[in-house]
C-alpha atoms as a PDB file:
ATOM      1  CA  MET A   1     -21.122 -15.201   6.422  1.00  0.00           C
ATOM      2  CA  GLU A   2     -17.801 -14.239   4.889  1.00  0.00           C
ATOM      3  CA  ASP A   3     -16.458 -16.023   1.856  1.00  0.00           C
ATOM      4  CA  PRO A   4     -13.368 -18.231   2.323  1.00  0.00           C
ATOM      5  CA  GLN A   5     -11.070 -15.892   0.374  1.00  0.00           C
ATOM      6  CA  ARG A   6     -11.909 -12.905   2.592  1.00  0.00           C
ATOM      7  CA  ILE A   7     -11.355 -15.022   5.712  1.00  0.00           C
ATOM      8  CA  SER A   8      -7.988 -16.146   4.342  1.00  0.00           C
ATOM      9  CA  VAL A   9      -6.939 -12.564   3.553  1.00  0.00           C
ATOM     10  CA  ASN A  10      -7.971 -11.350   7.017  1.00  0.00           C
ATOM     11  CA  ASP A  11      -6.056 -14.209   8.659  1.00  0.00           C
ATOM     12  CA  HIS A  12      -2.966 -13.442   6.599  1.00  0.00           C
ATOM     13  CA  ILE A  13      -3.109  -9.741   7.455  1.00  0.00           C
ATOM     14  CA  SER A  14      -3.510 -10.590  11.148  1.00  0.00           C
ATOM     15  CA  ASP A  15      -0.490 -12.912  10.946  1.00  0.00           C
ATOM     16  CA  LEU A  16       1.587 -10.163   9.328  1.00  0.00           C
ATOM     17  CA  LEU A  17       0.574  -7.636  11.977  1.00  0.00           C
ATOM     18  CA  ARG A  18       1.480 -10.079  14.778  1.00  0.00           C
ATOM     19  CA  GLU A  19       4.839 -10.780  13.131  1.00  0.00           C
ATOM     20  CA  ALA A  20       5.483  -7.040  12.814  1.00  0.00           C
ATOM     21  CA  ASP A  21       4.670  -6.575  16.501  1.00  0.00           C
ATOM     22  CA  SER A  22       7.055  -9.333  17.546  1.00  0.00           C
ATOM     23  CA  ARG A  23       9.849  -7.965  15.343  1.00  0.00           C
ATOM     24  CA  ARG A  24       9.232  -4.482  16.728  1.00  0.00           C
ATOM     25  CA  ALA A  25       9.457  -5.829  20.280  1.00  0.00           C
ATOM     26  CA  GLU A  26      12.717  -7.620  19.459  1.00  0.00           C
ATOM     27  CA  ARG A  27      14.161  -4.462  17.894  1.00  0.00           C
ATOM     28  CA  LEU A  28      13.130  -2.317  20.850  1.00  0.00           C
ATOM     29  CA  ALA A  29      14.675  -4.812  23.274  1.00  0.00           C
ATOM     30  CA  ARG A  30      17.882  -4.846  21.231  1.00  0.00           C
ATOM     31  CA  GLU A  31      17.979  -1.030  21.043  1.00  0.00           C
ATOM     32  CA  SER A  32      17.347  -0.679  24.776  1.00  0.00           C
ATOM     33  CA  ARG A  33      20.518  -2.680  25.454  1.00  0.00           C
ATOM     34  CA  GLN A  34      22.578  -0.331  23.250  1.00  0.00           C
ATOM     35  CA  PRO A  35      22.965   3.432  23.723  1.00  0.00           C
ATOM     36  CA  HIS A  36      21.322   5.507  21.002  1.00  0.00           C
ATOM     37  CA  THR A  37      23.971   6.984  18.741  1.00  0.00           C
ATOM     38  CA  GLY A  38      21.800   7.635  15.709  1.00  0.00           C
ATOM     39  CA  PRO A  39      21.892  10.914  13.835  1.00  0.00           C
ATOM     40  CA  ALA A  40      19.588  13.741  14.801  1.00  0.00           C
ATOM     41  CA  VAL A  41      17.306  15.194  12.156  1.00  0.00           C
ATOM     42  CA  ALA A  42      15.668  18.597  11.874  1.00  0.00           C
ATOM     43  CA  GLY A  43      12.701  18.767  14.227  1.00  0.00           C
ATOM     44  CA  GLY A  44      13.879  16.018  16.579  1.00  0.00           C
ATOM     45  CA  ARG A  45      15.468  12.602  16.642  1.00  0.00           C
ATOM     46  CA  ALA A  46      15.339  10.225  13.708  1.00  0.00           C
ATOM     47  CA  GLY A  47      12.894   7.984  15.624  1.00  0.00           C
ATOM     48  CA  ASP A  48      10.194  10.632  16.103  1.00  0.00           C
ATOM     49  CA  HIS A  49       8.093   9.245  13.235  1.00  0.00           C
ATOM     50  CA  PRO A  50       7.715   5.793  11.718  1.00  0.00           C
ATOM     51  CA  PRO A  51      10.345   4.864   9.131  1.00  0.00           C
ATOM     52  CA  ALA A  52       9.380   4.930   5.462  1.00  0.00           C
ATOM     53  CA  ARG A  53       9.183   1.125   5.329  1.00  0.00           C
ATOM     54  CA  VAL A  54       6.597   1.121   8.130  1.00  0.00           C
ATOM     55  CA  ARG A  55       4.526   3.783   6.389  1.00  0.00           C
ATOM     56  CA  LEU A  56       4.782   1.807   3.135  1.00  0.00           C
ATOM     57  CA  GLY A  57       3.747  -1.354   4.974  1.00  0.00           C
ATOM     58  CA  HIS A  58       0.663   0.348   6.403  1.00  0.00           C
ATOM     59  CA  TRP A  59      -0.181   1.697   2.962  1.00  0.00           C
ATOM     60  CA  LEU A  60       0.088  -1.802   1.484  1.00  0.00           C
ATOM     61  CA  ILE A  61      -2.096  -3.228   4.255  1.00  0.00           C
ATOM     62  CA  ASP A  62      -4.687  -0.517   3.578  1.00  0.00           C
ATOM     63  CA  LEU A  63      -4.567  -1.300  -0.140  1.00  0.00           C
ATOM     64  CA  GLY A  64      -4.985  -5.029   0.498  1.00  0.00           C
ATOM     65  CA  THR A  65      -7.892  -4.541   2.853  1.00  0.00           C
ATOM     66  CA  THR A  66      -9.553  -2.162   0.393  1.00  0.00           C
ATOM     67  CA  VAL A  67      -9.252  -4.752  -2.354  1.00  0.00           C
ATOM     68  CA  ALA A  68     -10.515  -7.451   0.022  1.00  0.00           C
ATOM     69  CA  GLY A  69     -13.399  -5.212   1.085  1.00  0.00           C
ATOM     70  CA  THR A  70     -12.595  -5.124   4.786  1.00  0.00           C
ATOM     71  CA  SER A  71     -11.793  -2.223   7.071  1.00  0.00           C
ATOM     72  CA  PRO A  72      -8.213  -2.109   8.434  1.00  0.00           C
ATOM     73  CA  ASP A  73      -7.414  -1.963  12.128  1.00  0.00           C
ATOM     74  CA  HIS A  74      -3.717  -1.186  12.549  1.00  0.00           C
ATOM     75  CA  ASN A  75      -4.036  -1.336  16.337  1.00  0.00           C
ATOM     76  CA  GLU A  76      -5.331  -4.916  16.409  1.00  0.00           C
ATOM     77  CA  GLY A  77      -2.889  -6.821  18.568  1.00  0.00           C
ATOM     78  CA  ALA A  78      -0.394  -3.966  18.653  1.00  0.00           C
ATOM     79  CA  THR A  79       0.911  -3.485  22.147  1.00  0.00           C
ATOM     80  CA  GLY A  80       2.468  -0.136  22.785  1.00  0.00           C
ATOM     81  CA  ARG A  81       1.968   1.211  19.294  1.00  0.00           C
ATOM     82  CA  ALA A  82       1.605   4.981  19.179  1.00  0.00           C
ATOM     83  CA  ALA A  83      -1.541   6.373  17.582  1.00  0.00           C
END
């Protein structure tokens, strides 16, 4: 049986991941209505890799789950997320 604090942390992380997925879906829907005019970067378009804030967010989630003693699953509830 898990202790209440670990359950609370896992629930909070799941909530944050679901919120991120919904915001991502909203952003993708908004971007699909507008033509892409963003700058190109060396090696491809600017959207070829996750933005720094997404990488930082994943790092923070990994840190939190390490402290909580759980194993992270970034794909939990993530529809359409690239591996």
